[in-house]
Amino acid sequence: MWGLSMPVEARSIDELEKFIKGKKVLECRVKRLGDIIKVKVRTKKYLYTLKVDSNEKLDEVLKRLGVDNVIEV
């Protein structure tokens, strides 16, 4: 299929910030998988993901990205 691309996985909060800089974030989904929390940030063209291991890091990610539309999955 054309136009579909694989998600881009960021290795750090700084890298995720760099990826979405200047892009409009449509939504942010948070999925809890045992000890790991997966953050999925959707822009018009790509889905960016980041894995964090604590609620404190999740709060830092959401604060630094300035995301308003957060959906808990």
C-alpha atoms as a PDB file:
ATOM      1  CA  MET A   1       0.000   0.000   0.000  1.00  0.00           C
ATOM      2  CA  TRP A   2       1.239   3.453  -0.796  1.00  0.00           C
ATOM      3  CA  GLY A   3       1.289   6.237   1.731  1.00  0.00           C
ATOM      4  CA  LEU A   4       1.533   3.950   4.757  1.00  0.00           C
ATOM      5  CA  SER A   5       4.745   3.985   6.722  1.00  0.00           C
ATOM      6  CA  MET A   6       6.074   2.210   9.766  1.00  0.00           C
ATOM      7  CA  PRO A   7       6.065   3.977  13.133  1.00  0.00           C
ATOM      8  CA  VAL A   8       9.243   5.798  14.099  1.00  0.00           C
ATOM      9  CA  GLU A   9      10.618   4.766  17.509  1.00  0.00           C
ATOM     10  CA  ALA A  10      12.450   7.389  19.533  1.00  0.00           C
ATOM     11  CA  ARG A  11      15.107   6.242  22.001  1.00  0.00           C
ATOM     12  CA  SER A  12      14.886   9.292  24.281  1.00  0.00           C
ATOM     13  CA  ILE A  13      12.626  12.209  25.158  1.00  0.00           C
ATOM     14  CA  ASP A  14      15.026  14.598  23.420  1.00  0.00           C
ATOM     15  CA  GLU A  15      14.911  12.542  20.231  1.00  0.00           C
ATOM     16  CA  LEU A  16      11.095  12.487  20.284  1.00  0.00           C
ATOM     17  CA  GLU A  17      11.059  16.259  20.767  1.00  0.00           C
ATOM     18  CA  LYS A  18      13.384  16.641  17.776  1.00  0.00           C
ATOM     19  CA  PHE A  19      11.151  14.415  15.608  1.00  0.00           C
ATOM     20  CA  ILE A  20       7.935  16.350  16.279  1.00  0.00           C
ATOM     21  CA  LYS A  21       9.438  19.854  16.360  1.00  0.00           C
ATOM     22  CA  GLY A  22       7.337  22.123  14.170  1.00  0.00           C
ATOM     23  CA  LYS A  23       4.707  19.443  13.515  1.00  0.00           C
ATOM     24  CA  LYS A  24       1.109  19.521  14.682  1.00  0.00           C
ATOM     25  CA  VAL A  25       0.371  16.688  17.120  1.00  0.00           C
ATOM     26  CA  LEU A  26      -3.082  15.276  16.396  1.00  0.00           C
ATOM     27  CA  GLU A  27      -3.243  12.996  19.442  1.00  0.00           C
ATOM     28  CA  CYS A  28      -1.147  11.232  22.019  1.00  0.00           C
ATOM     29  CA  ARG A  29      -1.991   7.721  23.246  1.00  0.00           C
ATOM     30  CA  VAL A  30      -0.586   6.173  26.395  1.00  0.00           C
ATOM     31  CA  LYS A  31      -0.554   2.380  26.663  1.00  0.00           C
ATOM     32  CA  ARG A  32       0.555   0.614  29.841  1.00  0.00           C
ATOM     33  CA  LEU A  33       2.209  -2.781  29.316  1.00  0.00           C
ATOM     34  CA  GLY A  34       3.199  -4.081  32.745  1.00  0.00           C
ATOM     35  CA  ASP A  35       6.356  -2.194  33.768  1.00  0.00           C
ATOM     36  CA  ILE A  36       6.655  -0.367  30.417  1.00  0.00           C
ATOM     37  CA  ILE A  37       4.571   2.637  29.367  1.00  0.00           C
ATOM     38  CA  LYS A  38       4.374   3.252  25.622  1.00  0.00           C
ATOM     39  CA  VAL A  39       3.714   6.795  24.385  1.00  0.00           C
ATOM     40  CA  LYS A  40       2.348   7.047  20.844  1.00  0.00           C
ATOM     41  CA  VAL A  41       2.340  10.505  19.256  1.00  0.00           C
ATOM     42  CA  ARG A  42       0.377  10.882  15.997  1.00  0.00           C
ATOM     43  CA  THR A  43       1.153  13.633  13.507  1.00  0.00           C
ATOM     44  CA  LYS A  44      -0.368  14.026  10.076  1.00  0.00           C
ATOM     45  CA  LYS A  45       2.288  11.918   8.396  1.00  0.00           C
ATOM     46  CA  TYR A  46       3.905   9.679  11.044  1.00  0.00           C
ATOM     47  CA  LEU A  47       3.298   7.833  14.276  1.00  0.00           C
ATOM     48  CA  TYR A  48       6.153   8.311  16.745  1.00  0.00           C
ATOM     49  CA  THR A  49       6.577   5.980  19.727  1.00  0.00           C
ATOM     50  CA  LEU A  50       8.602   6.152  22.924  1.00  0.00           C
ATOM     51  CA  LYS A  51       8.886   3.610  25.749  1.00  0.00           C
ATOM     52  CA  VAL A  52       9.308   4.874  29.315  1.00  0.00           C
ATOM     53  CA  ASP A  53       9.536   2.932  32.551  1.00  0.00           C
ATOM     54  CA  SER A  54       7.934   5.206  35.159  1.00  0.00           C
ATOM     55  CA  ASN A  55       5.023   7.586  35.664  1.00  0.00           C
ATOM     56  CA  GLU A  56       7.480  10.395  36.424  1.00  0.00           C
ATOM     57  CA  LYS A  57       9.082  10.038  32.983  1.00  0.00           C
ATOM     58  CA  LEU A  58       5.617   9.888  31.385  1.00  0.00           C
ATOM     59  CA  ASP A  59       4.673  13.159  33.101  1.00  0.00           C
ATOM     60  CA  GLU A  60       7.933  14.718  31.889  1.00  0.00           C
ATOM     61  CA  VAL A  61       7.280  13.588  28.290  1.00  0.00           C
ATOM     62  CA  LEU A  62       3.740  14.988  28.256  1.00  0.00           C
ATOM     63  CA  LYS A  63       4.890  18.248  29.851  1.00  0.00           C
ATOM     64  CA  ARG A  64       7.821  18.747  27.462  1.00  0.00           C
ATOM     65  CA  LEU A  65       5.749  17.947  24.368  1.00  0.00           C
ATOM     66  CA  GLY A  66       2.865  20.195  25.440  1.00  0.00           C
ATOM     67  CA  VAL A  67       0.280  17.662  24.274  1.00  0.00           C
ATOM     68  CA  ASP A  68      -3.346  18.473  25.138  1.00  0.00           C
ATOM     69  CA  ASN A  69      -5.151  15.509  23.572  1.00  0.00           C
ATOM     70  CA  VAL A  70      -4.001  12.495  25.647  1.00  0.00           C
ATOM     71  CA  ILE A  71      -5.908   9.194  25.372  1.00  0.00           C
ATOM     72  CA  GLU A  72      -5.273   6.422  27.888  1.00  0.00           C
ATOM     73  CA  VAL A  73      -5.504   3.018  26.146  1.00  0.00           C
END
